[in-house]
Amino acid sequence: MVAMSNKKLTKKDLHQMSWRYILASQLNWNYERMMSSGYLYAVLPAMKKLYGDNPEQLQDMLKTQNQFFNTNANFGNLILGIDIAIEEEDGYKAKDTIVALKTALMGSLAGVGDSLFHVIWGTIFGSLAGTLAQNGSIVGCVLWIIANIVLLFGRAYLLPLGYKQGVKLVTTLKDQLASFTNAATVLGVTVIGALIPSVIDATVPFVYENDGVELVLQDTLDEILPALVPLLLVAVTYWMLGRKKLNSTRVIWIILISIVLLSSLGVLA
């Protein structure tokens, strides 16, 4: 019978692992095991403390912790906290439980984290900061810096939260994760749609004149649908991102070259 671990992790250990994960979670990102190396580096102090007296168990757990792992980088700390809480309680016999736990959580928390941080957080604060900066206000730059500092240090509290709450935190929210993900996605898409006319400034400068009659094409387009040109540009960009032979870098270059050409020809302003 395998004895439970009698080693206890300190606040210093938790703090150390939290920042190890924040700073190194994606430094060795690769297509074979994704974020496993960063996760292993973060959890290493706990592995040495819990299994350091048994080299065979330590080696086996290090191999286990280096298996495929991929989730939202901001929520990885939460999984790490739950992981070490279980291992501190049950020791080596929790090996299979840890594998199952990481497999189950990394997908669901990736969806929630991507919607919350990439869609909502980045869109709202990035757009506000960008709009203020475009208007010449230094507040935009300061706002973006503060938003990222808050996000950085906020991540550090997720590991202690996962460590204290353990599996209870996930089981309590299990039935709400899907609904929260959908709601966050809808909110993010709504925010993006609302920001299109305020962030993207593109107009058609063509003016038709005949016998003293002047037709401003942009005014006609605005009567059909305000901000129609920015909307079409976003739609074309979104369509290009879905093509197999196009990636984000190529799409950016296509947009830059196209805008320069269309602007020089007087098609867009």
Protein backbone atom coordinates (compact mmCIF):
# COMPACT_ATOMS: atom_id res chain seq x y z
CA MET A 1 0.00 0.00 0.00
CA VAL A 2 1.34 3.43 -0.98
CA ALA A 3 1.36 5.91 1.86
CA MET A 4 -0.11 9.34 1.47
CA SER A 5 2.25 12.28 1.24
CA ASN A 6 3.04 13.93 4.56
CA LYS A 7 4.89 16.85 2.95
CA LYS A 8 3.10 20.19 3.02
CA LEU A 9 3.59 23.01 0.54
CA THR A 10 4.10 26.51 1.89
CA LYS A 11 2.85 29.86 0.62
CA LYS A 12 6.36 30.46 -0.66
CA ASP A 13 6.18 27.24 -2.70
CA LEU A 14 2.83 28.26 -4.18
CA HIS A 15 4.11 31.74 -5.00
CA GLN A 16 7.22 30.32 -6.65
CA MET A 17 5.28 27.82 -8.79
CA SER A 18 2.73 30.44 -9.80
CA TRP A 19 5.33 32.80 -11.20
CA ARG A 20 7.34 29.99 -12.76
CA TYR A 21 4.22 29.08 -14.74
CA ILE A 22 3.37 32.69 -15.64
CA LEU A 23 6.87 33.42 -16.93
CA ALA A 24 7.66 30.10 -18.60
CA SER A 25 4.37 28.37 -19.50
CA GLN A 26 4.85 28.91 -23.24
CA LEU A 27 8.61 29.43 -23.60
CA ASN A 28 9.09 25.90 -24.98
CA TRP A 29 5.73 25.61 -26.73
CA ASN A 30 5.87 22.90 -29.38
CA TYR A 31 3.50 20.96 -31.63
CA GLU A 32 4.20 17.62 -29.94
CA ARG A 33 3.29 18.41 -26.32
CA MET A 34 2.22 22.07 -26.53
CA MET A 35 2.70 23.61 -23.04
CA SER A 36 3.92 20.51 -21.20
CA SER A 37 7.49 21.74 -20.67
CA GLY A 38 6.28 24.97 -19.09
CA TYR A 39 3.87 23.07 -16.87
CA LEU A 40 6.62 20.67 -15.81
CA TYR A 41 8.96 23.56 -15.01
CA ALA A 42 6.28 25.21 -12.87
CA VAL A 43 5.32 22.09 -10.92
CA LEU A 44 8.92 20.91 -10.44
CA PRO A 45 9.37 22.41 -6.92
CA ALA A 46 6.28 20.54 -5.69
CA MET A 47 7.43 17.29 -7.32
CA LYS A 48 10.83 17.50 -5.62
CA LYS A 49 9.25 18.25 -2.25
CA LEU A 50 6.57 15.55 -2.44
CA TYR A 51 8.60 12.76 -4.06
CA GLY A 52 12.21 13.76 -3.44
CA ASP A 53 12.72 10.87 -1.01
CA ASN A 54 11.77 8.32 -3.66
CA PRO A 55 13.76 8.78 -6.92
CA GLU A 56 11.65 6.23 -8.83
CA GLN A 57 8.37 7.94 -7.96
CA LEU A 58 9.88 11.34 -8.71
CA GLN A 59 11.08 10.25 -12.14
CA ASP A 60 7.73 8.65 -12.98
CA MET A 61 5.77 11.74 -11.90
CA LEU A 62 8.04 14.03 -13.89
CA LYS A 63 7.33 11.95 -17.00
CA THR A 64 3.62 12.09 -16.18
CA GLN A 65 3.67 15.86 -15.76
CA ASN A 66 5.46 16.24 -19.09
CA GLN A 67 2.62 14.68 -21.06
CA PHE A 68 0.57 16.69 -23.56
CA PHE A 69 -0.91 19.82 -21.99
CA ASN A 70 -2.62 22.73 -23.70
CA THR A 71 -5.09 25.22 -22.28
CA ASN A 72 -5.63 28.95 -21.98
CA ALA A 73 -2.40 30.35 -20.53
CA ASN A 74 -4.26 32.46 -17.97
CA PHE A 75 -6.19 29.50 -16.54
CA GLY A 76 -3.27 27.04 -16.46
CA ASN A 77 -2.41 28.22 -12.95
CA LEU A 78 -5.85 27.12 -11.73
CA ILE A 79 -5.29 23.57 -13.00
CA LEU A 80 -1.81 23.55 -11.49
CA GLY A 81 -3.20 24.54 -8.09
CA ILE A 82 -5.81 21.76 -8.12
CA ASP A 83 -3.15 19.29 -9.27
CA ILE A 84 -0.72 19.91 -6.42
CA ALA A 85 -3.54 20.03 -3.83
CA ILE A 86 -4.56 16.48 -4.80
CA GLU A 87 -0.99 15.22 -4.92
CA GLU A 88 -0.19 16.77 -1.54
CA GLU A 89 -3.18 14.90 -0.08
CA ASP A 90 -2.88 11.50 -1.83
CA GLY A 91 0.73 11.38 -2.97
CA TYR A 92 1.90 9.02 -5.70
CA LYS A 93 -1.35 7.06 -5.80
CA ALA A 94 -3.03 10.15 -7.30
CA LYS A 95 -1.05 9.73 -10.53
CA ASP A 96 -3.96 8.46 -12.67
CA THR A 97 -6.30 11.01 -11.11
CA ILE A 98 -3.96 13.84 -12.08
CA VAL A 99 -3.75 12.66 -15.69
CA ALA A 100 -7.55 12.47 -15.92
CA LEU A 101 -7.95 15.82 -14.18
CA LYS A 102 -5.62 17.67 -16.54
CA THR A 103 -7.20 16.05 -19.58
CA ALA A 104 -10.71 16.98 -18.46
CA LEU A 105 -9.97 20.55 -17.39
CA MET A 106 -7.61 21.83 -20.04
CA GLY A 107 -10.25 21.74 -22.80
CA SER A 108 -13.15 23.27 -20.90
CA LEU A 109 -11.05 25.98 -19.24
CA ALA A 110 -9.41 26.77 -22.59
CA GLY A 111 -12.82 27.68 -24.01
CA VAL A 112 -13.75 29.83 -21.03
CA GLY A 113 -10.33 31.48 -20.85
CA ASP A 114 -10.12 32.26 -24.58
CA SER A 115 -13.59 33.83 -24.54
CA LEU A 116 -12.94 35.78 -21.34
CA PHE A 117 -9.41 37.03 -21.94
CA HIS A 118 -8.80 36.97 -25.70
CA VAL A 119 -12.26 38.08 -26.81
CA ILE A 120 -13.68 40.23 -24.01
CA TRP A 121 -10.66 41.55 -22.10
CA GLY A 122 -8.43 42.23 -25.09
CA THR A 123 -11.21 43.64 -27.25
CA ILE A 124 -12.66 46.01 -24.68
CA PHE A 125 -9.46 47.38 -23.15
CA GLY A 126 -7.49 47.23 -26.40
CA SER A 127 -10.15 49.10 -28.36
CA LEU A 128 -10.61 51.72 -25.66
CA ALA A 129 -6.87 52.23 -25.39
CA GLY A 130 -6.45 52.34 -29.18
CA THR A 131 -9.28 54.84 -29.65
CA LEU A 132 -7.89 57.14 -26.96
CA ALA A 133 -4.40 56.87 -28.44
CA GLN A 134 -5.70 57.70 -31.93
CA ASN A 135 -7.17 60.87 -30.49
CA GLY A 136 -3.76 61.83 -29.10
CA SER A 137 -4.47 60.98 -25.46
CA ILE A 138 -1.71 59.37 -23.41
CA VAL A 139 -4.46 57.83 -21.26
CA GLY A 140 -4.86 55.16 -23.95
CA CYS A 141 -1.27 53.95 -23.49
CA VAL A 142 -1.55 54.07 -19.71
CA LEU A 143 -4.89 52.23 -19.77
CA TRP A 144 -3.46 49.36 -21.84
CA ILE A 145 -0.39 49.06 -19.58
CA ILE A 146 -2.56 49.00 -16.45
CA ALA A 147 -4.94 46.43 -17.96
CA ASN A 148 -2.05 44.08 -18.72
CA ILE A 149 -0.47 44.57 -15.28
CA VAL A 150 -3.80 43.73 -13.63
CA LEU A 151 -4.13 40.63 -15.81
CA LEU A 152 -0.54 39.56 -15.07
CA PHE A 153 -0.81 39.81 -11.29
CA GLY A 154 -4.40 38.54 -11.31
CA ARG A 155 -3.15 35.28 -12.82
CA ALA A 156 -0.86 34.79 -9.84
CA TYR A 157 -3.88 34.36 -7.53
CA LEU A 158 -5.38 31.52 -9.58
CA LEU A 159 -2.91 28.89 -8.34
CA PRO A 160 -3.62 29.54 -4.62
CA LEU A 161 -7.33 29.57 -5.47
CA GLY A 162 -7.12 26.19 -7.16
CA TYR A 163 -4.95 24.85 -4.33
CA LYS A 164 -7.42 25.93 -1.63
CA GLN A 165 -10.66 24.99 -3.38
CA GLY A 166 -9.37 21.89 -5.14
CA VAL A 167 -11.80 19.82 -7.17
CA LYS A 168 -14.77 21.46 -5.42
CA LEU A 169 -14.24 24.62 -7.46
CA VAL A 170 -14.54 22.76 -10.76
CA THR A 171 -17.38 20.44 -9.77
CA THR A 172 -19.39 23.44 -8.53
CA LEU A 173 -18.94 25.29 -11.82
CA LYS A 174 -19.03 22.26 -14.12
CA ASP A 175 -22.61 22.73 -15.30
CA GLN A 176 -22.08 26.47 -15.76
CA LEU A 177 -18.91 26.37 -17.86
CA ALA A 178 -20.67 25.79 -21.19
CA SER A 179 -23.24 28.51 -20.57
CA PHE A 180 -20.56 30.94 -19.43
CA THR A 181 -18.45 30.21 -22.52
CA ASN A 182 -21.39 30.83 -24.86
CA ALA A 183 -22.38 34.03 -23.04
CA ALA A 184 -18.81 35.34 -23.11
CA THR A 185 -18.51 34.57 -26.83
CA VAL A 186 -21.77 36.36 -27.64
CA LEU A 187 -20.71 39.38 -25.57
CA GLY A 188 -17.30 39.48 -27.25
CA VAL A 189 -18.77 39.30 -30.76
CA THR A 190 -21.28 42.04 -29.86
CA VAL A 191 -18.52 44.30 -28.56
CA ILE A 192 -16.42 43.71 -31.69
CA GLY A 193 -19.39 44.51 -33.93
CA ALA A 194 -20.14 47.71 -32.04
CA LEU A 195 -16.52 48.85 -32.22
CA ILE A 196 -16.13 48.38 -35.99
CA PRO A 197 -17.48 51.84 -36.99
CA SER A 198 -15.57 53.64 -34.22
CA VAL A 199 -12.19 51.95 -34.68
CA ILE A 200 -12.03 51.48 -38.48
CA ASP A 201 -12.02 54.75 -40.43
CA ALA A 202 -12.52 54.02 -44.14
CA THR A 203 -14.59 55.97 -46.65
CA VAL A 204 -15.12 56.18 -50.41
CA PRO A 205 -14.05 59.69 -51.57
CA PHE A 206 -15.50 59.46 -55.10
CA VAL A 207 -17.78 62.37 -56.06
CA TYR A 208 -19.76 62.32 -59.32
CA GLU A 209 -20.54 65.68 -60.94
CA ASN A 210 -22.71 66.34 -64.00
CA ASP A 211 -24.33 69.62 -65.04
CA GLY A 212 -23.96 71.08 -61.59
CA VAL A 213 -25.37 67.98 -59.93
CA GLU A 214 -23.05 66.49 -57.35
CA LEU A 215 -23.33 62.97 -56.01
CA VAL A 216 -21.20 62.06 -53.02
CA LEU A 217 -20.91 58.27 -53.10
CA GLN A 218 -20.11 58.01 -49.39
CA ASP A 219 -23.34 59.82 -48.48
CA THR A 220 -25.27 57.32 -50.60
CA LEU A 221 -23.54 54.40 -48.89
CA ASP A 222 -24.32 55.88 -45.46
CA GLU A 223 -28.00 56.05 -46.40
CA ILE A 224 -27.92 52.34 -47.28
CA LEU A 225 -26.06 51.36 -44.10
CA PRO A 226 -23.86 53.56 -41.87
CA ALA A 227 -20.26 52.33 -41.67
CA LEU A 228 -20.87 49.97 -44.61
CA VAL A 229 -17.28 50.23 -45.87
CA PRO A 230 -15.64 49.31 -42.51
CA LEU A 231 -18.12 46.44 -42.18
CA LEU A 232 -17.22 45.11 -45.64
CA LEU A 233 -13.50 45.37 -44.88
CA VAL A 234 -13.95 43.34 -41.67
CA ALA A 235 -16.09 40.77 -43.51
CA VAL A 236 -13.46 40.34 -46.26
CA THR A 237 -10.71 40.02 -43.65
CA TYR A 238 -12.70 37.40 -41.74
CA TRP A 239 -13.32 35.50 -44.99
CA MET A 240 -9.61 35.51 -45.86
CA LEU A 241 -8.67 34.16 -42.42
CA GLY A 242 -10.82 31.12 -43.17
CA ARG A 243 -8.91 30.22 -46.33
CA LYS A 244 -6.50 27.28 -46.09
CA LYS A 245 -3.57 28.98 -47.81
CA LEU A 246 -3.88 32.20 -45.83
CA ASN A 247 -2.73 32.84 -42.27
CA SER A 248 -2.89 35.99 -40.14
CA THR A 249 0.52 37.24 -41.33
CA ARG A 250 -0.37 36.92 -45.02
CA VAL A 251 -3.75 38.53 -44.46
CA ILE A 252 -2.10 41.52 -42.73
CA TRP A 253 0.24 42.01 -45.70
CA ILE A 254 -2.63 41.69 -48.18
CA ILE A 255 -4.62 44.32 -46.27
CA LEU A 256 -1.67 46.72 -46.01
CA ILE A 257 -0.80 46.46 -49.72
CA SER A 258 -4.45 46.67 -50.80
CA ILE A 259 -5.14 49.74 -48.66
CA VAL A 260 -2.07 51.55 -50.01
CA LEU A 261 -3.05 50.77 -53.61
CA LEU A 262 -6.74 51.66 -53.16
CA SER A 263 -5.84 54.86 -51.34
CA SER A 264 -3.38 55.94 -54.06
CA LEU A 265 -6.04 55.29 -56.71
CA GLY A 266 -8.57 57.35 -54.79
CA VAL A 267 -10.92 54.44 -54.18
CA LEU A 268 -10.64 54.55 -50.39
CA ALA A 269 -9.72 57.30 -47.98
